Structures are given as C-alpha cells and as structure tokens.
N, C-alpha and C. Protein backbone atom coordinates (compact mmCIF):
# COMPACT_ATOMS: atom_id res chain seq x y z
N MET A 1 -3.92 -22.80 2.57
CA MET A 1 -3.60 -21.85 3.40
C MET A 1 -1.63 -21.63 3.01
N GLY A 2 -1.38 -22.87 2.86
CA GLY A 2 0.31 -22.16 2.86
C GLY A 2 0.44 -21.26 1.71
N THR A 3 -0.13 -21.27 1.12
CA THR A 3 -0.25 -20.14 -0.20
C THR A 3 -0.34 -19.02 0.09
N LEU A 4 -1.32 -18.74 1.10
CA LEU A 4 -1.24 -16.83 1.20
C LEU A 4 -0.36 -16.53 2.17
N VAL A 5 0.44 -17.66 2.92
CA VAL A 5 1.78 -16.90 3.87
C VAL A 5 2.54 -17.02 2.92
N HIS A 6 2.53 -17.97 1.99
CA HIS A 6 4.22 -17.42 1.36
C HIS A 6 3.84 -16.53 0.04
N PHE A 7 2.80 -15.52 0.21
CA PHE A 7 2.78 -14.68 -0.74
C PHE A 7 2.91 -13.66 0.51
N LYS A 8 2.17 -13.59 1.88
CA LYS A 8 2.72 -12.59 2.76
C LYS A 8 4.26 -12.32 3.00
N ASN A 9 4.86 -13.46 3.19
CA ASN A 9 6.40 -13.74 3.59
C ASN A 9 7.10 -12.73 1.97
N LEU A 10 6.38 -13.13 0.83
CA LEU A 10 7.07 -12.17 -0.24
C LEU A 10 6.76 -11.01 -0.57
N TYR A 11 5.59 -10.69 0.22
CA TYR A 11 5.14 -9.33 0.18
C TYR A 11 6.15 -8.36 1.22
N LEU A 12 6.01 -9.04 2.25
CA LEU A 12 7.68 -8.17 3.35
C LEU A 12 8.96 -7.96 2.86
N GLU A 13 8.85 -9.18 2.15
CA GLU A 13 10.49 -9.24 1.79
C GLU A 13 10.68 -8.25 0.62
N ALA A 14 9.84 -8.02 0.25
CA ALA A 14 9.89 -7.22 -0.99
C ALA A 14 10.31 -5.59 -0.71
N PHE A 15 9.77 -5.02 0.54
CA PHE A 15 9.98 -4.19 0.88
C PHE A 15 11.33 -4.31 1.95
N ASP A 16 11.95 -4.86 2.29
CA ASP A 16 13.23 -4.91 3.31
C ASP A 16 14.11 -4.07 2.84
N ASP A 17 14.96 -3.71 1.85
CA ASP A 17 16.19 -3.25 1.68
C ASP A 17 15.30 -1.48 0.72
N CYS A 18 14.44 -1.55 0.65
CA CYS A 18 14.30 0.06 0.30
C CYS A 18 14.08 1.08 1.48
N LYS A 19 15.37 1.94 0.90
CA LYS A 19 15.67 2.76 1.66
C LYS A 19 14.71 4.05 1.90
N PRO A 20 14.26 4.60 0.77
CA PRO A 20 13.51 5.93 1.05
C PRO A 20 12.19 5.64 1.69
N SER A 21 11.56 6.03 2.88
CA SER A 21 10.34 5.37 3.40
C SER A 21 8.99 6.12 2.70
N PHE A 22 9.34 7.32 2.00
CA PHE A 22 8.02 7.30 1.07
C PHE A 22 7.55 6.54 0.23
N VAL A 23 8.73 5.76 -0.55
CA VAL A 23 8.91 4.83 -1.67
C VAL A 23 7.89 3.60 -0.82
N VAL A 24 8.64 3.39 -0.11
CA VAL A 24 7.71 1.99 0.53
C VAL A 24 6.18 2.44 0.90
N PHE A 25 6.00 3.54 1.48
CA PHE A 25 4.79 3.91 1.96
C PHE A 25 3.67 3.81 0.48
N PHE A 26 4.61 4.81 -0.54
CA PHE A 26 3.42 4.53 -1.83
C PHE A 26 3.45 3.19 -2.40
N LEU A 27 4.21 2.39 -2.46
CA LEU A 27 4.20 0.85 -2.88
C LEU A 27 3.35 -0.08 -2.33
N LYS A 28 3.43 0.71 -0.91
CA LYS A 28 2.19 -0.69 -0.45
C LYS A 28 0.86 0.07 -0.57
N GLY A 29 0.46 1.43 -0.66
CA GLY A 29 -0.74 1.67 -0.76
C GLY A 29 -0.92 1.42 -2.45
N TYR A 30 -0.01 1.31 -2.85
CA TYR A 30 -0.62 1.14 -4.30
C TYR A 30 -0.78 -0.25 -4.84
N SER A 31 -0.36 -0.98 -3.98
CA SER A 31 -0.59 -2.61 -3.93
C SER A 31 -2.30 -2.99 -3.25
N ILE A 32 -2.15 -2.06 -2.15
CA ILE A 32 -3.39 -2.61 -1.79
C ILE A 32 -4.63 -1.92 -2.62
N PHE A 33 -4.09 -0.75 -3.28
CA PHE A 33 -5.37 -0.08 -4.03
C PHE A 33 -5.59 -0.90 -5.27
N CYS A 34 -4.27 -1.59 -5.80
CA CYS A 34 -4.14 -2.70 -6.84
C CYS A 34 -5.37 -3.93 -6.76
N ALA A 35 -4.90 -4.46 -5.35
CA ALA A 35 -5.77 -5.12 -4.74
C ALA A 35 -7.29 -5.28 -4.72
N VAL A 36 -7.54 -3.71 -4.19
CA VAL A 36 -9.01 -3.31 -4.54
C VAL A 36 -9.76 -3.46 -5.54
N MET A 37 -8.67 -2.71 -6.16
CA MET A 37 -9.32 -2.88 -7.78
C MET A 37 -9.72 -4.14 -8.44
N LEU A 38 -9.12 -4.90 -8.15
CA LEU A 38 -9.11 -6.37 -8.89
C LEU A 38 -10.26 -7.43 -7.86
N PHE A 39 -10.07 -7.02 -6.95
CA PHE A 39 -11.57 -7.38 -6.08
C PHE A 39 -12.74 -6.83 -6.69
N MET A 40 -13.12 -5.75 -6.66
CA MET A 40 -14.21 -5.08 -7.49
C MET A 40 -14.13 -5.52 -8.64
N ALA A 41 -13.56 -5.68 -9.44
CA ALA A 41 -13.59 -6.04 -10.98
C ALA A 41 -13.97 -7.45 -10.86
N PHE A 42 -13.54 -8.22 -10.09
CA PHE A 42 -14.02 -9.98 -10.01
C PHE A 42 -15.16 -9.63 -9.23
N TYR A 43 -15.78 -8.83 -8.09
CA TYR A 43 -17.47 -8.90 -7.99
C TYR A 43 -18.21 -8.43 -9.00
N ALA A 44 -17.68 -7.35 -9.63
CA ALA A 44 -18.85 -7.13 -10.40
C ALA A 44 -19.30 -7.94 -11.84
N PHE A 45 -17.59 -8.89 -11.93
CA PHE A 45 -18.04 -9.92 -12.97
C PHE A 45 -19.07 -11.13 -12.61
N LEU A 46 -18.57 -11.49 -11.05
CA LEU A 46 -19.63 -12.22 -10.82
C LEU A 46 -21.55 -11.94 -10.50
N TYR A 47 -21.33 -10.98 -10.06
CA TYR A 47 -22.59 -9.68 -10.21
C TYR A 47 -23.18 -9.97 -11.53
N ARG A 48 -22.44 -9.55 -12.20
CA ARG A 48 -23.34 -9.80 -14.14
C ARG A 48 -23.36 -11.13 -13.96
N ALA A 49 -22.57 -12.22 -14.00
CA ALA A 49 -23.06 -13.41 -14.29
C ALA A 49 -24.30 -14.07 -13.70
N PHE A 50 -24.54 -13.63 -12.40
CA PHE A 50 -25.43 -14.07 -11.50
C PHE A 50 -26.92 -13.65 -11.86
N THR A 51 -26.89 -12.26 -12.60
CA THR A 51 -27.77 -11.92 -13.05
C THR A 51 -28.29 -11.50 -14.29
N GLY A 52 -27.54 -11.92 -15.44
CA GLY A 52 -27.75 -12.18 -16.64
C GLY A 52 -27.11 -11.69 -17.71
N PHE A 53 -25.80 -10.84 -17.11
CA PHE A 53 -25.43 -10.07 -18.01
C PHE A 53 -26.44 -8.91 -18.80
N GLU A 54 -27.38 -8.43 -18.41
CA GLU A 54 -28.04 -7.34 -18.98
C GLU A 54 -27.36 -6.42 -18.95
N PHE A 55 -27.21 -5.38 -19.75
CA PHE A 55 -26.92 -4.10 -19.97
C PHE A 55 -27.84 -2.96 -19.98
C-alpha cells in the first residue's frame, strides 16, 4: 500500500510548479486517459487468456 501512496505523492508533486493551468489540466487528463488505456489492454489480455485466445 505504501507504493500507491508514493506514486500518488509523485503525481501530485509533478504538477506543483506548472504555471499555465491549461497545461496542468491537459497533462492530468492525458495521464488518466493513459491509465484507462493500460487497464483496458490488461483486461483484454486477461479475457483472451481465460477464454483461450480464439480469434
């Protein structure tokens, strides 16, 4: 659990000194988009693994 807190702190500290607020908004949105894409890819892989990799 400490690792998740560490990543949260790194995420919050990464945007501390960014001055244009639209850049911070864009980067936070993009990071959430990337996390969702990685989760969907992982889910798709597990789904294929459990259903036999049939195409």
